[in-house]
Amino acid sequence: MEKTKKIKIFVGLSYLILISIFLFLFFSKFSLQEITSYNFIKENRSYFLELKNSNLFFISTIFLFFTILWVFPFLGFGSPIALIGGFIFGKWLGTILVVLGLSIGATFLYLFGNFFLKDLIREKFLKRYQSLEIKFKKSEFFYLLIYRFIGGIPWQLSCLLPTIFNVKAINFFFATLIGIIPQIFIAVSIGSGLEKVIDQNSEVPGLSEIIFSSEVYVPILAFFILVLLTILLRKLFYKS
């Protein structure tokens, strides 16, 4: 028990140190004002597109690796990385890279939680999600797939909760890979649409110009339809 406690403290401190180093290096190179300026976004858009066109495989590999790290150990969630993926790689390649990276990162997070945090998660959440335990025992992969598709739980917690039900890592990975495709494709499409809007405007475009661009409002409309669908499914899935 004492040894496990020391391992958890070591992992926690290592994580905090890693995050601190990353933030220090990033903000020592860029200021918050700089990275939120339109010129910074437009200039770096051109830089990344040129880099992508000159060495697609290398940039895709780097982005995939960063996406995995974004989930574990950085505990990031899907939307920002999906927008960036669409912005740089477009709808189709962006979706493939983001879905694959998030799925691998989520599986690493699940394995980490299963090893270090299982007892804590069971203590805090088992009563609340008791009804899911029965469903997962009936058909682990099928209910994992629905669980990943409908969401409704913060991303990091959704990766850790299945530790309660002792699901197989391989089922967790493939259920995540398939289940998150719809929402990730929509988010990536929005990022791709924003890239096209920025490409067509040398000055900061107005909000209405962005929203009413077909490249942006179509995936946004699809997003709201998906939200309504998942809300309906959540009521059925999480019902006791």
C-alpha atoms as a PDB file:
ATOM      1  CA  MET A   1       0.000   0.000   0.000  1.00  0.00           C
ATOM      2  CA  GLU A   2       2.794   2.407   0.978  1.00  0.00           C
ATOM      3  CA  LYS A   3       4.692   1.594  -2.213  1.00  0.00           C
ATOM      4  CA  THR A   4       1.602   2.266  -4.354  1.00  0.00           C
ATOM      5  CA  LYS A   5       1.077   5.584  -2.589  1.00  0.00           C
ATOM      6  CA  LYS A   6       4.666   6.626  -3.327  1.00  0.00           C
ATOM      7  CA  ILE A   7       4.235   5.676  -6.991  1.00  0.00           C
ATOM      8  CA  LYS A   8       1.062   7.792  -7.232  1.00  0.00           C
ATOM      9  CA  ILE A   9       2.815  10.789  -5.630  1.00  0.00           C
ATOM     10  CA  PHE A  10       5.760  10.381  -8.025  1.00  0.00           C
ATOM     11  CA  VAL A  11       3.473  10.197 -11.075  1.00  0.00           C
ATOM     12  CA  GLY A  12       1.472  13.223  -9.898  1.00  0.00           C
ATOM     13  CA  LEU A  13       4.590  15.334  -9.308  1.00  0.00           C
ATOM     14  CA  SER A  14       6.073  14.260 -12.651  1.00  0.00           C
ATOM     15  CA  TYR A  15       2.859  15.309 -14.380  1.00  0.00           C
ATOM     16  CA  LEU A  16       2.868  18.756 -12.716  1.00  0.00           C
ATOM     17  CA  ILE A  17       6.542  19.284 -13.580  1.00  0.00           C
ATOM     18  CA  LEU A  18       5.940  18.262 -17.207  1.00  0.00           C
ATOM     19  CA  ILE A  19       2.984  20.641 -17.557  1.00  0.00           C
ATOM     20  CA  SER A  20       4.933  23.495 -15.921  1.00  0.00           C
ATOM     21  CA  ILE A  21       7.904  23.021 -18.274  1.00  0.00           C
ATOM     22  CA  PHE A  22       5.626  22.937 -21.312  1.00  0.00           C
ATOM     23  CA  LEU A  23       3.783  26.135 -20.298  1.00  0.00           C
ATOM     24  CA  PHE A  24       7.056  27.917 -19.462  1.00  0.00           C
ATOM     25  CA  LEU A  25       8.636  27.057 -22.817  1.00  0.00           C
ATOM     26  CA  PHE A  26       5.490  27.974 -24.745  1.00  0.00           C
ATOM     27  CA  PHE A  27       4.855  31.347 -23.086  1.00  0.00           C
ATOM     28  CA  SER A  28       8.546  32.252 -23.145  1.00  0.00           C
ATOM     29  CA  LYS A  29       8.273  32.143 -26.946  1.00  0.00           C
ATOM     30  CA  PHE A  30       4.754  33.560 -27.439  1.00  0.00           C
ATOM     31  CA  SER A  31       2.723  36.063 -25.419  1.00  0.00           C
ATOM     32  CA  LEU A  32      -1.018  35.533 -24.830  1.00  0.00           C
ATOM     33  CA  GLN A  33      -1.779  38.695 -26.806  1.00  0.00           C
ATOM     34  CA  GLU A  34       0.348  37.477 -29.701  1.00  0.00           C
ATOM     35  CA  ILE A  35      -1.215  34.039 -30.058  1.00  0.00           C
ATOM     36  CA  THR A  36      -4.747  35.499 -30.037  1.00  0.00           C
ATOM     37  CA  SER A  37      -4.060  38.128 -32.719  1.00  0.00           C
ATOM     38  CA  TYR A  38      -5.473  37.694 -36.236  1.00  0.00           C
ATOM     39  CA  ASN A  39      -2.105  38.353 -37.909  1.00  0.00           C
ATOM     40  CA  PHE A  40      -0.434  35.648 -35.822  1.00  0.00           C
ATOM     41  CA  ILE A  41      -3.098  33.116 -36.840  1.00  0.00           C
ATOM     42  CA  LYS A  42      -2.978  34.092 -40.524  1.00  0.00           C
ATOM     43  CA  GLU A  43       0.824  34.085 -40.745  1.00  0.00           C
ATOM     44  CA  ASN A  44       1.159  30.750 -38.981  1.00  0.00           C
ATOM     45  CA  ARG A  45      -1.598  29.309 -41.142  1.00  0.00           C
ATOM     46  CA  SER A  46       0.580  29.941 -44.197  1.00  0.00           C
ATOM     47  CA  TYR A  47       3.624  28.525 -42.414  1.00  0.00           C
ATOM     48  CA  PHE A  48       1.894  25.286 -41.400  1.00  0.00           C
ATOM     49  CA  LEU A  49       0.287  24.804 -44.814  1.00  0.00           C
ATOM     50  CA  GLU A  50       3.662  25.178 -46.547  1.00  0.00           C
ATOM     51  CA  LEU A  51       5.232  22.805 -44.043  1.00  0.00           C
ATOM     52  CA  LYS A  52       2.396  20.316 -44.528  1.00  0.00           C
ATOM     53  CA  ASN A  53       2.655  20.450 -48.317  1.00  0.00           C
ATOM     54  CA  SER A  54       6.431  19.934 -48.245  1.00  0.00           C
ATOM     55  CA  ASN A  55       6.413  16.998 -45.804  1.00  0.00           C
ATOM     56  CA  LEU A  56       2.918  15.696 -45.137  1.00  0.00           C
ATOM     57  CA  PHE A  57       3.965  12.425 -43.492  1.00  0.00           C
ATOM     58  CA  PHE A  58       6.332  14.106 -41.020  1.00  0.00           C
ATOM     59  CA  ILE A  59       3.850  16.826 -40.003  1.00  0.00           C
ATOM     60  CA  SER A  60       1.025  14.291 -39.703  1.00  0.00           C
ATOM     61  CA  THR A  61       3.186  12.109 -37.431  1.00  0.00           C
ATOM     62  CA  ILE A  62       4.139  15.084 -35.237  1.00  0.00           C
ATOM     63  CA  PHE A  63       0.498  16.173 -34.984  1.00  0.00           C
ATOM     64  CA  LEU A  64      -0.634  12.619 -34.150  1.00  0.00           C
ATOM     65  CA  PHE A  65       2.005  12.369 -31.419  1.00  0.00           C
ATOM     66  CA  PHE A  66       0.995  15.757 -29.995  1.00  0.00           C
ATOM     67  CA  THR A  67      -2.690  14.748 -30.026  1.00  0.00           C
ATOM     68  CA  ILE A  68      -1.867  11.655 -27.976  1.00  0.00           C
ATOM     69  CA  LEU A  69       0.077  13.796 -25.486  1.00  0.00           C
ATOM     70  CA  TRP A  70      -2.789  16.299 -25.449  1.00  0.00           C
ATOM     71  CA  VAL A  71      -5.027  13.621 -23.929  1.00  0.00           C
ATOM     72  CA  PHE A  72      -2.380  11.881 -21.844  1.00  0.00           C
ATOM     73  CA  PRO A  73      -0.590  13.252 -19.922  1.00  0.00           C
ATOM     74  CA  PHE A  74      -1.872  16.813 -20.567  1.00  0.00           C
ATOM     75  CA  LEU A  75      -5.548  15.829 -19.958  1.00  0.00           C
ATOM     76  CA  GLY A  76      -6.838  17.996 -22.787  1.00  0.00           C
ATOM     77  CA  PHE A  77     -10.251  17.463 -24.413  1.00  0.00           C
ATOM     78  CA  GLY A  78     -11.198  16.949 -28.021  1.00  0.00           C
ATOM     79  CA  SER A  79     -12.635  20.220 -29.360  1.00  0.00           C
ATOM     80  CA  PRO A  80      -9.486  22.436 -29.511  1.00  0.00           C
ATOM     81  CA  ILE A  81      -7.313  19.763 -31.097  1.00  0.00           C
ATOM     82  CA  ALA A  82     -10.100  18.902 -33.568  1.00  0.00           C
ATOM     83  CA  LEU A  83     -10.375  22.552 -34.670  1.00  0.00           C
ATOM     84  CA  ILE A  84      -6.598  22.737 -35.110  1.00  0.00           C
ATOM     85  CA  GLY A  85      -6.583  19.447 -37.016  1.00  0.00           C
ATOM     86  CA  GLY A  86      -9.243  20.713 -39.414  1.00  0.00           C
ATOM     87  CA  PHE A  87      -7.475  24.060 -39.753  1.00  0.00           C
ATOM     88  CA  ILE A  88      -4.179  22.449 -40.797  1.00  0.00           C
ATOM     89  CA  PHE A  89      -5.139  19.186 -42.516  1.00  0.00           C
ATOM     90  CA  GLY A  90      -8.683  19.720 -43.776  1.00  0.00           C
ATOM     91  CA  LYS A  91     -11.780  17.619 -43.073  1.00  0.00           C
ATOM     92  CA  TRP A  92     -10.752  14.125 -44.058  1.00  0.00           C
ATOM     93  CA  LEU A  93      -7.111  13.754 -43.053  1.00  0.00           C
ATOM     94  CA  GLY A  94      -7.771  15.972 -40.024  1.00  0.00           C
ATOM     95  CA  THR A  95     -10.559  13.658 -38.848  1.00  0.00           C
ATOM     96  CA  ILE A  96      -8.398  10.540 -39.255  1.00  0.00           C
ATOM     97  CA  LEU A  97      -5.473  12.036 -37.315  1.00  0.00           C
ATOM     98  CA  VAL A  98      -7.567  13.537 -34.524  1.00  0.00           C
ATOM     99  CA  VAL A  99      -9.756  10.442 -34.009  1.00  0.00           C
ATOM    100  CA  LEU A 100      -6.722   8.139 -33.982  1.00  0.00           C
ATOM    101  CA  GLY A 101      -4.709  10.394 -31.664  1.00  0.00           C
ATOM    102  CA  LEU A 102      -7.579  10.941 -29.217  1.00  0.00           C
ATOM    103  CA  SER A 103      -8.363   7.214 -29.154  1.00  0.00           C
ATOM    104  CA  ILE A 104      -4.752   6.222 -28.402  1.00  0.00           C
ATOM    105  CA  GLY A 105      -4.397   8.962 -25.779  1.00  0.00           C
ATOM    106  CA  ALA A 106      -7.728   8.023 -24.173  1.00  0.00           C
ATOM    107  CA  THR A 107      -6.646   4.377 -24.001  1.00  0.00           C
ATOM    108  CA  PHE A 108      -3.390   5.352 -22.290  1.00  0.00           C
ATOM    109  CA  LEU A 109      -5.399   7.440 -19.826  1.00  0.00           C
ATOM    110  CA  TYR A 110      -7.760   4.508 -19.225  1.00  0.00           C
ATOM    111  CA  LEU A 111      -4.830   2.144 -18.579  1.00  0.00           C
ATOM    112  CA  PHE A 112      -3.254   4.685 -16.233  1.00  0.00           C
ATOM    113  CA  GLY A 113      -6.533   5.093 -14.332  1.00  0.00           C
ATOM    114  CA  ASN A 114      -7.081   1.354 -14.210  1.00  0.00           C
ATOM    115  CA  PHE A 115      -3.689   0.865 -12.591  1.00  0.00           C
ATOM    116  CA  PHE A 116      -3.461   3.864 -10.260  1.00  0.00           C
ATOM    117  CA  LEU A 117      -6.954   5.295  -9.678  1.00  0.00           C
ATOM    118  CA  LYS A 118      -9.393   2.399  -9.883  1.00  0.00           C
ATOM    119  CA  ASP A 119     -10.274   2.224  -6.186  1.00  0.00           C
ATOM    120  CA  LEU A 120     -10.715   5.990  -5.945  1.00  0.00           C
ATOM    121  CA  ILE A 121     -12.977   6.095  -9.023  1.00  0.00           C
ATOM    122  CA  ARG A 122     -15.117   3.209  -7.741  1.00  0.00           C
ATOM    123  CA  GLU A 123     -15.500   4.940  -4.399  1.00  0.00           C
ATOM    124  CA  LYS A 124     -16.528   8.279  -5.923  1.00  0.00           C
ATOM    125  CA  PHE A 125     -18.652   7.228  -8.922  1.00  0.00           C
ATOM    126  CA  LEU A 126     -19.872   3.621  -8.655  1.00  0.00           C
ATOM    127  CA  LYS A 127     -23.169   4.482  -6.937  1.00  0.00           C
ATOM    128  CA  ARG A 128     -23.907   7.228  -9.435  1.00  0.00           C
ATOM    129  CA  TYR A 129     -23.277   4.992 -12.462  1.00  0.00           C
ATOM    130  CA  GLN A 130     -24.387   1.666 -10.971  1.00  0.00           C
ATOM    131  CA  SER A 131     -26.920   1.125 -13.761  1.00  0.00           C
ATOM    132  CA  LEU A 132     -24.150   1.174 -16.369  1.00  0.00           C
ATOM    133  CA  GLU A 133     -22.366  -1.752 -14.752  1.00  0.00           C
ATOM    134  CA  ILE A 134     -25.241  -4.081 -15.666  1.00  0.00           C
ATOM    135  CA  LYS A 135     -25.294  -2.782 -19.247  1.00  0.00           C
ATOM    136  CA  PHE A 136     -21.555  -3.210 -19.733  1.00  0.00           C
ATOM    137  CA  LYS A 137     -21.762  -6.788 -18.464  1.00  0.00           C
ATOM    138  CA  LYS A 138     -24.445  -7.580 -21.070  1.00  0.00           C
ATOM    139  CA  SER A 139     -22.407  -6.411 -24.068  1.00  0.00           C
ATOM    140  CA  GLU A 140     -19.192  -4.604 -23.240  1.00  0.00           C
ATOM    141  CA  PHE A 141     -18.225  -3.334 -26.694  1.00  0.00           C
ATOM    142  CA  PHE A 142     -21.748  -2.346 -27.771  1.00  0.00           C
ATOM    143  CA  TYR A 143     -22.450  -0.269 -24.675  1.00  0.00           C
ATOM    144  CA  LEU A 144     -18.965   1.232 -24.725  1.00  0.00           C
ATOM    145  CA  LEU A 145     -19.663   2.326 -28.296  1.00  0.00           C
ATOM    146  CA  ILE A 146     -22.926   4.015 -27.283  1.00  0.00           C
ATOM    147  CA  TYR A 147     -21.219   5.499 -24.218  1.00  0.00           C
ATOM    148  CA  ARG A 148     -18.520   7.095 -26.401  1.00  0.00           C
ATOM    149  CA  PHE A 149     -20.998   8.322 -29.015  1.00  0.00           C
ATOM    150  CA  ILE A 150     -23.453  10.089 -26.711  1.00  0.00           C
ATOM    151  CA  GLY A 151     -20.865  11.687 -24.392  1.00  0.00           C
ATOM    152  CA  GLY A 152     -22.407  13.950 -21.758  1.00  0.00           C
ATOM    153  CA  ILE A 153     -19.501  13.383 -19.361  1.00  0.00           C
ATOM    154  CA  PRO A 154     -16.296  15.480 -19.283  1.00  0.00           C
ATOM    155  CA  TRP A 155     -13.756  13.875 -21.617  1.00  0.00           C
ATOM    156  CA  GLN A 156     -11.137  13.068 -18.982  1.00  0.00           C
ATOM    157  CA  LEU A 157     -13.698  11.489 -16.647  1.00  0.00           C
ATOM    158  CA  SER A 158     -15.286   9.552 -19.516  1.00  0.00           C
ATOM    159  CA  CYS A 159     -11.898   7.923 -20.147  1.00  0.00           C
ATOM    160  CA  LEU A 160     -11.566   6.907 -16.489  1.00  0.00           C
ATOM    161  CA  LEU A 161     -15.107   5.765 -15.614  1.00  0.00           C
ATOM    162  CA  PRO A 162     -14.888   2.448 -17.527  1.00  0.00           C
ATOM    163  CA  THR A 163     -12.238   1.335 -15.019  1.00  0.00           C
ATOM    164  CA  ILE A 164     -15.197   0.703 -12.707  1.00  0.00           C
ATOM    165  CA  PHE A 165     -16.542  -1.934 -15.087  1.00  0.00           C
ATOM    166  CA  ASN A 166     -13.240  -3.720 -15.869  1.00  0.00           C
ATOM    167  CA  VAL A 167     -13.624  -3.316 -19.628  1.00  0.00           C
ATOM    168  CA  LYS A 168     -10.945  -4.700 -21.920  1.00  0.00           C
ATOM    169  CA  ALA A 169      -8.465  -2.134 -23.235  1.00  0.00           C
ATOM    170  CA  ILE A 170      -8.937  -3.357 -26.818  1.00  0.00           C
ATOM    171  CA  ASN A 171     -12.716  -2.840 -26.577  1.00  0.00           C
ATOM    172  CA  PHE A 172     -12.172   0.587 -25.035  1.00  0.00           C
ATOM    173  CA  PHE A 173      -9.848   1.623 -27.878  1.00  0.00           C
ATOM    174  CA  PHE A 174     -12.056   0.517 -30.776  1.00  0.00           C
ATOM    175  CA  ALA A 175     -15.288   1.751 -29.163  1.00  0.00           C
ATOM    176  CA  THR A 176     -13.639   5.145 -28.696  1.00  0.00           C
ATOM    177  CA  LEU A 177     -12.213   5.105 -32.226  1.00  0.00           C
ATOM    178  CA  ILE A 178     -15.634   4.495 -33.793  1.00  0.00           C
ATOM    179  CA  GLY A 179     -17.837   6.285 -31.270  1.00  0.00           C
ATOM    180  CA  ILE A 180     -16.181   9.713 -31.416  1.00  0.00           C
ATOM    181  CA  ILE A 181     -16.067   9.958 -35.229  1.00  0.00           C
ATOM    182  CA  PRO A 182     -19.326  11.969 -35.701  1.00  0.00           C
ATOM    183  CA  GLN A 183     -18.580  14.773 -33.219  1.00  0.00           C
ATOM    184  CA  ILE A 184     -14.897  14.938 -34.165  1.00  0.00           C
ATOM    185  CA  PHE A 185     -15.719  15.129 -37.888  1.00  0.00           C
ATOM    186  CA  ILE A 186     -18.061  18.040 -37.228  1.00  0.00           C
ATOM    187  CA  ALA A 187     -15.485  19.897 -35.094  1.00  0.00           C
ATOM    188  CA  VAL A 188     -12.749  19.256 -37.671  1.00  0.00           C
ATOM    189  CA  SER A 189     -15.080  20.531 -40.414  1.00  0.00           C
ATOM    190  CA  ILE A 190     -15.578  23.779 -38.482  1.00  0.00           C
ATOM    191  CA  GLY A 191     -11.796  24.158 -38.172  1.00  0.00           C
ATOM    192  CA  SER A 192     -11.388  23.514 -41.892  1.00  0.00           C
ATOM    193  CA  GLY A 193     -14.106  26.078 -42.653  1.00  0.00           C
ATOM    194  CA  LEU A 194     -12.398  28.705 -40.467  1.00  0.00           C
ATOM    195  CA  GLU A 195      -9.147  28.133 -42.379  1.00  0.00           C
ATOM    196  CA  LYS A 196     -10.907  28.851 -45.668  1.00  0.00           C
ATOM    197  CA  VAL A 197     -12.550  32.008 -44.254  1.00  0.00           C
ATOM    198  CA  ILE A 198      -9.173  33.302 -43.027  1.00  0.00           C
ATOM    199  CA  ASP A 199      -7.588  32.462 -46.389  1.00  0.00           C
ATOM    200  CA  GLN A 200     -10.181  34.622 -48.164  1.00  0.00           C
ATOM    201  CA  ASN A 201      -9.861  37.633 -45.814  1.00  0.00           C
ATOM    202  CA  SER A 202      -6.734  39.737 -45.306  1.00  0.00           C
ATOM    203  CA  GLU A 203      -8.452  41.628 -42.454  1.00  0.00           C
ATOM    204  CA  VAL A 204     -10.351  40.243 -39.487  1.00  0.00           C
ATOM    205  CA  PRO A 205     -13.715  38.975 -40.850  1.00  0.00           C
ATOM    206  CA  GLY A 206     -16.917  39.945 -39.071  1.00  0.00           C
ATOM    207  CA  LEU A 207     -18.748  37.406 -36.922  1.00  0.00           C
ATOM    208  CA  SER A 208     -21.664  37.240 -39.358  1.00  0.00           C
ATOM    209  CA  GLU A 209     -19.248  36.676 -42.245  1.00  0.00           C
ATOM    210  CA  ILE A 210     -17.744  33.708 -40.411  1.00  0.00           C
ATOM    211  CA  ILE A 211     -21.011  32.172 -39.252  1.00  0.00           C
ATOM    212  CA  PHE A 212     -22.831  32.516 -42.580  1.00  0.00           C
ATOM    213  CA  SER A 213     -19.996  30.984 -44.571  1.00  0.00           C
ATOM    214  CA  SER A 214     -21.269  27.622 -45.833  1.00  0.00           C
ATOM    215  CA  GLU A 215     -17.974  26.033 -44.770  1.00  0.00           C
ATOM    216  CA  VAL A 216     -18.804  26.970 -41.162  1.00  0.00           C
ATOM    217  CA  TYR A 217     -22.580  27.107 -40.694  1.00  0.00           C
ATOM    218  CA  VAL A 218     -23.244  23.664 -42.222  1.00  0.00           C
ATOM    219  CA  PRO A 219     -21.072  21.788 -39.669  1.00  0.00           C
ATOM    220  CA  ILE A 220     -22.389  24.054 -36.876  1.00  0.00           C
ATOM    221  CA  LEU A 221     -25.946  23.108 -37.849  1.00  0.00           C
ATOM    222  CA  ALA A 222     -24.913  19.439 -37.928  1.00  0.00           C
ATOM    223  CA  PHE A 223     -23.362  19.920 -34.481  1.00  0.00           C
ATOM    224  CA  PHE A 224     -26.646  21.176 -32.979  1.00  0.00           C
ATOM    225  CA  ILE A 225     -28.561  18.279 -34.555  1.00  0.00           C
ATOM    226  CA  LEU A 226     -26.017  15.865 -33.072  1.00  0.00           C
ATOM    227  CA  VAL A 227     -26.358  17.529 -29.651  1.00  0.00           C
ATOM    228  CA  LEU A 228     -30.144  17.089 -29.688  1.00  0.00           C
ATOM    229  CA  LEU A 229     -29.772  13.460 -30.735  1.00  0.00           C
ATOM    230  CA  THR A 230     -27.220  12.691 -28.016  1.00  0.00           C
ATOM    231  CA  ILE A 231     -29.344  14.410 -25.338  1.00  0.00           C
ATOM    232  CA  LEU A 232     -32.212  12.088 -26.238  1.00  0.00           C
ATOM    233  CA  LEU A 233     -29.946   9.035 -26.207  1.00  0.00           C
ATOM    234  CA  ARG A 234     -28.360  10.047 -22.883  1.00  0.00           C
ATOM    235  CA  LYS A 235     -31.773  10.031 -21.177  1.00  0.00           C
ATOM    236  CA  LEU A 236     -32.293   6.462 -22.340  1.00  0.00           C
ATOM    237  CA  PHE A 237     -28.736   5.245 -21.740  1.00  0.00           C
ATOM    238  CA  TYR A 238     -28.181   6.710 -18.264  1.00  0.00           C
ATOM    239  CA  LYS A 239     -31.695   5.879 -17.079  1.00  0.00           C
ATOM    240  CA  SER A 240     -31.607   3.635 -14.012  1.00  0.00           C
END
